[in-house]
Amino acid sequence: MTIIGLSMACAYAGTTLMPPLIGLIATSTSFMMLPLTLLLFTALMLFTTQKLKQLG
């Protein structure tokens, strides 16, 4: 139950924080940066997932 709770907390934090963050990046640079921003966050997610898998 603890792992599921932590997973849900991270999911809610992501859905709460990512849209304003991506909007801030898009308005301060250009809307054309959206694919690059999404690619960057995807790579960051994969990197942290691999690091956590190594720890466990």
C-alpha atoms as a PDB file:
ATOM      1  CA  MET A   1       0.000   0.000   0.000  1.00  0.00           C
ATOM      2  CA  THR A   2       2.877   2.356   0.717  1.00  0.00           C
ATOM      3  CA  ILE A   3       4.368   1.964  -2.761  1.00  0.00           C
ATOM      4  CA  ILE A   4       1.003   2.553  -4.411  1.00  0.00           C
ATOM      5  CA  GLY A   5       0.484   5.661  -2.278  1.00  0.00           C
ATOM      6  CA  LEU A   6       3.897   7.015  -3.233  1.00  0.00           C
ATOM      7  CA  SER A   7       3.212   6.291  -6.894  1.00  0.00           C
ATOM      8  CA  MET A   8      -0.117   8.119  -6.727  1.00  0.00           C
ATOM      9  CA  ALA A   9       1.483  11.079  -4.947  1.00  0.00           C
ATOM     10  CA  CYS A  10       4.115  11.371  -7.681  1.00  0.00           C
ATOM     11  CA  ALA A  11       1.461  11.101 -10.385  1.00  0.00           C
ATOM     12  CA  TYR A  12      -0.632  13.859  -8.790  1.00  0.00           C
ATOM     13  CA  ALA A  13       2.425  16.062  -8.343  1.00  0.00           C
ATOM     14  CA  GLY A  14       3.353  15.558 -11.985  1.00  0.00           C
ATOM     15  CA  THR A  15      -0.110  16.389 -13.287  1.00  0.00           C
ATOM     16  CA  THR A  16      -0.224  19.441 -11.026  1.00  0.00           C
ATOM     17  CA  LEU A  17       3.225  20.845 -11.793  1.00  0.00           C
ATOM     18  CA  MET A  18       3.980  19.879 -15.392  1.00  0.00           C
ATOM     19  CA  PRO A  19       1.337  21.924 -17.294  1.00  0.00           C
ATOM     20  CA  PRO A  20       2.298  25.250 -15.648  1.00  0.00           C
ATOM     21  CA  LEU A  21       5.999  24.445 -16.028  1.00  0.00           C
ATOM     22  CA  ILE A  22       5.656  23.605 -19.724  1.00  0.00           C
ATOM     23  CA  GLY A  23       3.481  26.697 -20.207  1.00  0.00           C
ATOM     24  CA  LEU A  24       6.118  28.855 -18.529  1.00  0.00           C
ATOM     25  CA  ILE A  25       8.833  27.426 -20.771  1.00  0.00           C
ATOM     26  CA  ALA A  26       6.648  27.872 -23.882  1.00  0.00           C
ATOM     27  CA  THR A  27       5.822  31.509 -23.090  1.00  0.00           C
ATOM     28  CA  SER A  28       9.355  32.480 -22.146  1.00  0.00           C
ATOM     29  CA  THR A  29      10.937  30.873 -25.228  1.00  0.00           C
ATOM     30  CA  SER A  30       8.706  29.685 -28.044  1.00  0.00           C
ATOM     31  CA  PHE A  31       5.921  27.210 -28.593  1.00  0.00           C
ATOM     32  CA  MET A  32       8.288  25.405 -30.973  1.00  0.00           C
ATOM     33  CA  MET A  33      10.287  24.316 -27.913  1.00  0.00           C
ATOM     34  CA  LEU A  34       7.407  22.082 -26.758  1.00  0.00           C
ATOM     35  CA  PRO A  35       8.659  18.883 -28.464  1.00  0.00           C
ATOM     36  CA  LEU A  36      12.173  19.458 -27.133  1.00  0.00           C
ATOM     37  CA  THR A  37      10.821  20.114 -23.640  1.00  0.00           C
ATOM     38  CA  LEU A  38       8.753  16.927 -23.702  1.00  0.00           C
ATOM     39  CA  LEU A  39      11.752  14.959 -24.974  1.00  0.00           C
ATOM     40  CA  LEU A  40      13.914  16.387 -22.200  1.00  0.00           C
ATOM     41  CA  PHE A  41      11.410  15.478 -19.482  1.00  0.00           C
ATOM     42  CA  THR A  42      10.975  11.987 -20.969  1.00  0.00           C
ATOM     43  CA  ALA A  43      14.741  11.434 -20.935  1.00  0.00           C
ATOM     44  CA  LEU A  44      14.910  12.703 -17.354  1.00  0.00           C
ATOM     45  CA  MET A  45      12.129  10.317 -16.335  1.00  0.00           C
ATOM     46  CA  LEU A  46      13.871   7.348 -17.971  1.00  0.00           C
ATOM     47  CA  PHE A  47      17.203   8.271 -16.370  1.00  0.00           C
ATOM     48  CA  THR A  48      15.744   8.543 -12.876  1.00  0.00           C
ATOM     49  CA  THR A  49      13.792   5.309 -13.353  1.00  0.00           C
ATOM     50  CA  GLN A  50      16.992   3.456 -14.255  1.00  0.00           C
ATOM     51  CA  LYS A  51      18.831   4.928 -11.269  1.00  0.00           C
ATOM     52  CA  LEU A  52      16.039   3.898  -8.908  1.00  0.00           C
ATOM     53  CA  LYS A  53      16.028   0.409 -10.409  1.00  0.00           C
ATOM     54  CA  GLN A  54      19.772   0.137  -9.700  1.00  0.00           C
ATOM     55  CA  LEU A  55      19.253   1.149  -6.073  1.00  0.00           C
ATOM     56  CA  GLY A  56      16.531  -1.431  -5.472  1.00  0.00           C
END
